Every structure is written in structure tokens, then in C-alpha cells.
Amino acid sequence: MPFPPALVRAASNAADDVAMQHAVHEGYMRLIQGLARAVEFGWAGFKQKAYFSGVSINGPLALGGRGCLRGPEPQIASAPVVAAWIGWEKSIVHAFATWPGPRRRRWRPCRHPWRR
């Protein structure tokens, strides 16, 4: 397939509808690609500054308490690709960067897969 399918469909084959469909498709693709690049930027920054705390290494076995991986919150909203966005795009980036808020700490605990 030379071009991926459109994210939205045109109401008809009329030139105005097709032009509107193309503009909306391009806008959403720019938004999705920008958010993906912002997540990559935030993840790369987090990996550079993250560290373990409270981990004891005993030979081949390492034990750590809940939440032993520490680091800054990923800086998704400050990624260069989305930093200049304004209006509704800026509000989407803010919502995307702050979700799920205080519960984010639950994402990064050091848990063994067999312990729930």
C-alpha cells in the first residue's frame, strides 16, 4: 500500500469534502507523530537520569523494595517537537504529559513478575 489509509473519511467525493478530509487527516497525523516523538524525548531524558535506590545485590540475586527506580518525571511537554504548539494542541500535549498524574509512580516500581 503506497499510502496508509486515512484516519477520517470524506462525507462524499465532492472536492470540498475531500479537501476537508485531507486537512483533518494531516492534522491528526501531525498530532500523533508529534506525541510519539515527545514520548521518545521524555523517555530518553528519564533513562539518562533514572537510578535505583534501596537495592541490595547478593551475588546473582538483587532485591529491591517497591518503587526502587527513581528519577524525574518524563519531560514530554518540553520536547522540541511539541514545545511550540498552541491552542487545543497544547492542551492535548498537557493532558498527555500529565496523565495519570499522581498515580504515575505505580508505573515504575521494581516488582518481580511472580509477586503481585
C-alpha atoms as a PDB file:
ATOM      1  CA  MET A   1       0.000   0.000   0.000  1.00  0.00           C
ATOM      2  CA  PRO A   2       1.670   3.259  -1.062  1.00  0.00           C
ATOM      3  CA  PHE A   3      -0.160   5.442   1.459  1.00  0.00           C
ATOM      4  CA  PRO A   4      -1.704   4.449   4.799  1.00  0.00           C
ATOM      5  CA  PRO A   5      -5.481   4.638   4.991  1.00  0.00           C
ATOM      6  CA  ALA A   6      -6.997   7.920   6.105  1.00  0.00           C
ATOM      7  CA  LEU A   7      -7.845   8.444   9.769  1.00  0.00           C
ATOM      8  CA  VAL A   8     -11.169  10.049   8.812  1.00  0.00           C
ATOM      9  CA  ARG A   9     -13.429   9.520   5.820  1.00  0.00           C
ATOM     10  CA  ALA A  10     -14.786  12.167   3.492  1.00  0.00           C
ATOM     11  CA  ALA A  11     -18.548  12.696   3.585  1.00  0.00           C
ATOM     12  CA  SER A  12     -18.663  12.454  -0.205  1.00  0.00           C
ATOM     13  CA  ASN A  13     -16.400  12.577  -3.231  1.00  0.00           C
ATOM     14  CA  ALA A  14     -17.010  16.305  -3.668  1.00  0.00           C
ATOM     15  CA  ALA A  15     -13.815  18.358  -3.862  1.00  0.00           C
ATOM     16  CA  ASP A  16     -14.641  20.332  -0.703  1.00  0.00           C
ATOM     17  CA  ASP A  17     -15.293  17.187   1.346  1.00  0.00           C
ATOM     18  CA  VAL A  18     -12.134  15.508   0.086  1.00  0.00           C
ATOM     19  CA  ALA A  19     -10.076  18.626   0.851  1.00  0.00           C
ATOM     20  CA  MET A  20     -11.554  18.786   4.380  1.00  0.00           C
ATOM     21  CA  GLN A  21     -10.847  15.079   4.906  1.00  0.00           C
ATOM     22  CA  HIS A  22      -7.264  15.555   3.770  1.00  0.00           C
ATOM     23  CA  ALA A  23      -6.730  18.549   6.086  1.00  0.00           C
ATOM     24  CA  VAL A  24      -8.180  16.728   9.112  1.00  0.00           C
ATOM     25  CA  HIS A  25      -6.151  13.602   8.328  1.00  0.00           C
ATOM     26  CA  GLU A  26      -2.935  15.637   8.068  1.00  0.00           C
ATOM     27  CA  GLY A  27      -3.703  17.441  11.342  1.00  0.00           C
ATOM     28  CA  TYR A  28      -4.268  14.222  13.253  1.00  0.00           C
ATOM     29  CA  MET A  29      -1.195  12.576  11.741  1.00  0.00           C
ATOM     30  CA  ARG A  30       0.914  15.581  12.791  1.00  0.00           C
ATOM     31  CA  LEU A  31      -0.545  15.350  16.299  1.00  0.00           C
ATOM     32  CA  ILE A  32       0.047  11.605  16.637  1.00  0.00           C
ATOM     33  CA  GLN A  33       3.588  11.776  15.259  1.00  0.00           C
ATOM     34  CA  GLY A  34       4.412  14.762  17.466  1.00  0.00           C
ATOM     35  CA  LEU A  35       3.148  12.997  20.594  1.00  0.00           C
ATOM     36  CA  ALA A  36       5.141   9.889  19.706  1.00  0.00           C
ATOM     37  CA  ARG A  37       8.316  11.960  19.305  1.00  0.00           C
ATOM     38  CA  ALA A  38       7.590  13.765  22.589  1.00  0.00           C
ATOM     39  CA  VAL A  39       7.267  10.446  24.418  1.00  0.00           C
ATOM     40  CA  GLU A  40      10.577   9.300  22.905  1.00  0.00           C
ATOM     41  CA  PHE A  41      12.181  12.559  24.074  1.00  0.00           C
ATOM     42  CA  GLY A  42      10.770  12.199  27.599  1.00  0.00           C
ATOM     43  CA  TRP A  43      11.758   8.541  27.851  1.00  0.00           C
ATOM     44  CA  ALA A  44      15.308   9.253  26.676  1.00  0.00           C
ATOM     45  CA  GLY A  45      15.674  12.009  29.295  1.00  0.00           C
ATOM     46  CA  PHE A  46      14.256   9.773  32.020  1.00  0.00           C
ATOM     47  CA  LYS A  47      16.641   6.931  31.148  1.00  0.00           C
ATOM     48  CA  GLN A  48      19.625   9.281  31.416  1.00  0.00           C
ATOM     49  CA  LYS A  49      18.652  10.490  34.905  1.00  0.00           C
ATOM     50  CA  ALA A  50      16.973   7.424  36.456  1.00  0.00           C
ATOM     51  CA  TYR A  51      18.654   5.488  39.230  1.00  0.00           C
ATOM     52  CA  PHE A  52      17.920   2.671  41.671  1.00  0.00           C
ATOM     53  CA  SER A  53      17.715   3.225  45.407  1.00  0.00           C
ATOM     54  CA  GLY A  54      17.397   0.696  48.199  1.00  0.00           C
ATOM     55  CA  VAL A  55      18.621  -2.237  46.127  1.00  0.00           C
ATOM     56  CA  SER A  56      20.794  -4.909  47.706  1.00  0.00           C
ATOM     57  CA  ILE A  57      22.823  -7.121  45.438  1.00  0.00           C
ATOM     58  CA  ASN A  58      23.702 -10.563  46.766  1.00  0.00           C
ATOM     59  CA  GLY A  59      25.595 -12.403  44.047  1.00  0.00           C
ATOM     60  CA  PRO A  60      23.270 -13.167  41.127  1.00  0.00           C
ATOM     61  CA  LEU A  61      20.206 -12.008  43.091  1.00  0.00           C
ATOM     62  CA  ALA A  62      19.183  -8.372  43.551  1.00  0.00           C
ATOM     63  CA  LEU A  63      16.356  -7.344  45.862  1.00  0.00           C
ATOM     64  CA  GLY A  64      14.635  -4.005  45.914  1.00  0.00           C
ATOM     65  CA  GLY A  65      11.611  -2.607  47.628  1.00  0.00           C
ATOM     66  CA  ARG A  66       8.538  -1.255  45.938  1.00  0.00           C
ATOM     67  CA  GLY A  67       9.330   1.846  43.933  1.00  0.00           C
ATOM     68  CA  CYS A  68      13.094   1.420  43.895  1.00  0.00           C
ATOM     69  CA  LEU A  69      13.515   3.061  40.477  1.00  0.00           C
ATOM     70  CA  ARG A  70      13.770   6.806  40.974  1.00  0.00           C
ATOM     71  CA  GLY A  71      14.083   9.664  38.540  1.00  0.00           C
ATOM     72  CA  PRO A  72      12.458  12.827  37.274  1.00  0.00           C
ATOM     73  CA  GLU A  73       9.035  12.891  35.703  1.00  0.00           C
ATOM     74  CA  PRO A  74       9.383  12.456  31.934  1.00  0.00           C
ATOM     75  CA  GLN A  75       9.521  15.887  30.298  1.00  0.00           C
ATOM     76  CA  ILE A  76       7.094  15.149  27.479  1.00  0.00           C
ATOM     77  CA  ALA A  77       5.670  18.672  27.272  1.00  0.00           C
ATOM     78  CA  SER A  78       9.108  20.256  26.854  1.00  0.00           C
ATOM     79  CA  ALA A  79      10.053  18.157  23.823  1.00  0.00           C
ATOM     80  CA  PRO A  80      11.171  20.442  20.975  1.00  0.00           C
ATOM     81  CA  VAL A  81       8.661  18.962  18.548  1.00  0.00           C
ATOM     82  CA  VAL A  82       5.670  19.971  20.727  1.00  0.00           C
ATOM     83  CA  ALA A  83       7.027  22.906  22.748  1.00  0.00           C
ATOM     84  CA  ALA A  84       5.816  25.483  20.205  1.00  0.00           C
ATOM     85  CA  TRP A  85       2.298  24.072  19.883  1.00  0.00           C
ATOM     86  CA  ILE A  86      -0.526  26.433  20.896  1.00  0.00           C
ATOM     87  CA  GLY A  87      -4.269  26.253  21.402  1.00  0.00           C
ATOM     88  CA  TRP A  88      -6.028  22.906  21.532  1.00  0.00           C
ATOM     89  CA  GLU A  89      -2.855  21.055  20.550  1.00  0.00           C
ATOM     90  CA  LYS A  90      -1.089  22.463  23.618  1.00  0.00           C
ATOM     91  CA  SER A  91      -3.941  21.293  25.859  1.00  0.00           C
ATOM     92  CA  ILE A  92      -3.721  17.781  24.386  1.00  0.00           C
ATOM     93  CA  VAL A  93       0.038  17.692  24.993  1.00  0.00           C
ATOM     94  CA  HIS A  94      -0.505  18.852  28.590  1.00  0.00           C
ATOM     95  CA  ALA A  95      -3.163  16.180  29.203  1.00  0.00           C
ATOM     96  CA  PHE A  96      -0.980  13.539  27.589  1.00  0.00           C
ATOM     97  CA  ALA A  97       2.098  14.561  29.591  1.00  0.00           C
ATOM     98  CA  THR A  98       0.345  14.677  32.971  1.00  0.00           C
ATOM     99  CA  TRP A  99      -1.752  11.519  32.674  1.00  0.00           C
ATOM    100  CA  PRO A 100      -2.183   9.657  35.059  1.00  0.00           C
ATOM    101  CA  GLY A 101      -0.914  12.309  37.453  1.00  0.00           C
ATOM    102  CA  PRO A 102      -0.065  11.165  40.988  1.00  0.00           C
ATOM    103  CA  ARG A 103      -0.602   7.527  40.061  1.00  0.00           C
ATOM    104  CA  ARG A 104       2.391   7.653  37.711  1.00  0.00           C
ATOM    105  CA  ARG A 105       4.619   6.299  40.495  1.00  0.00           C
ATOM    106  CA  ARG A 106       2.806   2.994  40.123  1.00  0.00           C
ATOM    107  CA  TRP A 107       4.285   2.645  36.636  1.00  0.00           C
ATOM    108  CA  ARG A 108       7.872   2.421  37.799  1.00  0.00           C
ATOM    109  CA  PRO A 109       8.088   0.074  40.764  1.00  0.00           C
ATOM    110  CA  CYS A 110      10.613  -2.751  40.802  1.00  0.00           C
ATOM    111  CA  ARG A 111       8.353  -5.742  41.035  1.00  0.00           C
ATOM    112  CA  HIS A 112       9.082  -9.330  40.406  1.00  0.00           C
ATOM    113  CA  PRO A 113       6.655 -10.780  37.849  1.00  0.00           C
ATOM    114  CA  TRP A 114       5.599 -13.532  40.239  1.00  0.00           C
ATOM    115  CA  ARG A 115       4.738 -11.092  43.055  1.00  0.00           C
ATOM    116  CA  ARG A 116       1.520  -9.165  42.683  1.00  0.00           C
END
